[in-house]
Amino acid sequence: MTLVYCINCDSKNKYTLNSNHITCKIRGRNIQYEEIKARCVKCGSEVYVGYINDQNVRAREHAYFSLGEKTIE
């Protein structure tokens, strides 16, 4: 596991991953999907991890398109 910068600790630290069930609205349609959050092991603050963000975007898009939508504009 790589180290990521935690703004709260002002240092690079290890992180843990947690999965959360999310319900949100996109263009008036409710969608549900699993979202992964990365948290600093020292303080518990959420930290940015690029590949985790990419996975969450793909999960959100998949949930939206599975409703029969063709594009998000």
C-alpha atoms as a PDB file:
ATOM      1  CA  MET A   1       0.000   0.000   0.000  1.00  0.00           C
ATOM      2  CA  THR A   2       1.302   3.422  -0.884  1.00  0.00           C
ATOM      3  CA  LEU A   3       1.287   6.406   1.413  1.00  0.00           C
ATOM      4  CA  VAL A   4      -1.107   9.271   0.730  1.00  0.00           C
ATOM      5  CA  TYR A   5      -1.121  12.841   1.968  1.00  0.00           C
ATOM      6  CA  CYS A   6      -3.483  13.605   4.837  1.00  0.00           C
ATOM      7  CA  ILE A   7      -4.317  17.299   5.057  1.00  0.00           C
ATOM      8  CA  ASN A   8      -5.341  16.937   8.709  1.00  0.00           C
ATOM      9  CA  CYS A   9      -2.045  15.300   9.790  1.00  0.00           C
ATOM     10  CA  ASP A  10       0.016  17.288   7.265  1.00  0.00           C
ATOM     11  CA  SER A  11       1.983  14.142   6.426  1.00  0.00           C
ATOM     12  CA  LYS A  12       1.924  11.071   4.236  1.00  0.00           C
ATOM     13  CA  ASN A  13       0.291   8.102   5.953  1.00  0.00           C
ATOM     14  CA  LYS A  14      -1.154   4.682   5.291  1.00  0.00           C
ATOM     15  CA  TYR A  15      -4.895   4.446   4.743  1.00  0.00           C
ATOM     16  CA  THR A  16      -7.761   2.008   5.208  1.00  0.00           C
ATOM     17  CA  LEU A  17     -10.659   1.354   2.848  1.00  0.00           C
ATOM     18  CA  ASN A  18     -14.314   1.275   3.876  1.00  0.00           C
ATOM     19  CA  SER A  19     -17.313   0.487   1.692  1.00  0.00           C
ATOM     20  CA  ASN A  20     -20.557   2.440   2.052  1.00  0.00           C
ATOM     21  CA  HIS A  21     -23.962   1.984   0.436  1.00  0.00           C
ATOM     22  CA  ILE A  22     -24.826   5.303  -1.254  1.00  0.00           C
ATOM     23  CA  THR A  23     -28.142   6.597  -2.563  1.00  0.00           C
ATOM     24  CA  CYS A  24     -28.040   9.780  -4.623  1.00  0.00           C
ATOM     25  CA  LYS A  25     -30.018  11.562  -7.293  1.00  0.00           C
ATOM     26  CA  ILE A  26     -28.700  12.165 -10.818  1.00  0.00           C
ATOM     27  CA  ARG A  27     -30.882  14.072 -13.256  1.00  0.00           C
ATOM     28  CA  GLY A  28     -33.940  13.371 -11.129  1.00  0.00           C
ATOM     29  CA  ARG A  29     -33.305   9.605 -10.894  1.00  0.00           C
ATOM     30  CA  ASN A  30     -32.406   7.898  -7.611  1.00  0.00           C
ATOM     31  CA  ILE A  31     -29.450   5.557  -7.917  1.00  0.00           C
ATOM     32  CA  GLN A  32     -27.772   3.250  -5.423  1.00  0.00           C
ATOM     33  CA  TYR A  33     -24.229   1.935  -5.485  1.00  0.00           C
ATOM     34  CA  GLU A  34     -21.329   0.923  -3.253  1.00  0.00           C
ATOM     35  CA  GLU A  35     -18.763   3.665  -2.723  1.00  0.00           C
ATOM     36  CA  ILE A  36     -15.294   3.144  -1.286  1.00  0.00           C
ATOM     37  CA  LYS A  37     -13.784   5.700   1.095  1.00  0.00           C
ATOM     38  CA  ALA A  38     -10.092   5.917   1.981  1.00  0.00           C
ATOM     39  CA  ARG A  39      -9.331   7.080   5.525  1.00  0.00           C
ATOM     40  CA  CYS A  40      -6.067   8.045   7.196  1.00  0.00           C
ATOM     41  CA  VAL A  41      -4.977   5.401   9.725  1.00  0.00           C
ATOM     42  CA  LYS A  42      -3.651   8.068  12.125  1.00  0.00           C
ATOM     43  CA  CYS A  43      -6.608  10.465  12.383  1.00  0.00           C
ATOM     44  CA  GLY A  44      -9.478   8.842  10.447  1.00  0.00           C
ATOM     45  CA  SER A  45      -9.948  11.749   8.036  1.00  0.00           C
ATOM     46  CA  GLU A  46     -10.965  10.974   4.476  1.00  0.00           C
ATOM     47  CA  VAL A  47      -7.997  11.112   2.083  1.00  0.00           C
ATOM     48  CA  TYR A  48      -7.855  11.286  -1.702  1.00  0.00           C
ATOM     49  CA  VAL A  49      -6.657   8.175  -3.542  1.00  0.00           C
ATOM     50  CA  GLY A  50      -6.883   8.524  -7.320  1.00  0.00           C
ATOM     51  CA  TYR A  51      -7.737   4.945  -8.235  1.00  0.00           C
ATOM     52  CA  ILE A  52     -10.425   4.817  -5.517  1.00  0.00           C
ATOM     53  CA  ASN A  53     -12.004   7.967  -6.925  1.00  0.00           C
ATOM     54  CA  ASP A  54     -11.951   6.404 -10.409  1.00  0.00           C
ATOM     55  CA  GLN A  55     -13.647   3.238  -9.103  1.00  0.00           C
ATOM     56  CA  ASN A  56     -16.370   5.299  -7.436  1.00  0.00           C
ATOM     57  CA  VAL A  57     -17.037   7.240 -10.641  1.00  0.00           C
ATOM     58  CA  ARG A  58     -17.342   3.986 -12.615  1.00  0.00           C
ATOM     59  CA  ALA A  59     -19.684   2.480  -9.982  1.00  0.00           C
ATOM     60  CA  ARG A  60     -21.891   5.596 -10.038  1.00  0.00           C
ATOM     61  CA  GLU A  61     -22.004   5.646 -13.859  1.00  0.00           C
ATOM     62  CA  HIS A  62     -22.772   1.921 -14.006  1.00  0.00           C
ATOM     63  CA  ALA A  63     -25.680   2.348 -11.577  1.00  0.00           C
ATOM     64  CA  TYR A  64     -27.046   5.267 -13.605  1.00  0.00           C
ATOM     65  CA  PHE A  65     -26.697   3.561 -16.992  1.00  0.00           C
ATOM     66  CA  SER A  66     -28.251   0.347 -15.648  1.00  0.00           C
ATOM     67  CA  LEU A  67     -31.489   2.364 -15.280  1.00  0.00           C
ATOM     68  CA  GLY A  68     -31.587   2.568 -19.059  1.00  0.00           C
ATOM     69  CA  GLU A  69     -30.010   6.009 -19.394  1.00  0.00           C
ATOM     70  CA  LYS A  70     -27.714   6.455 -22.378  1.00  0.00           C
ATOM     71  CA  THR A  71     -25.633   9.521 -21.442  1.00  0.00           C
ATOM     72  CA  ILE A  72     -24.896  11.973 -18.668  1.00  0.00           C
ATOM     73  CA  GLU A  73     -24.727  15.491 -20.090  1.00  0.00           C
END
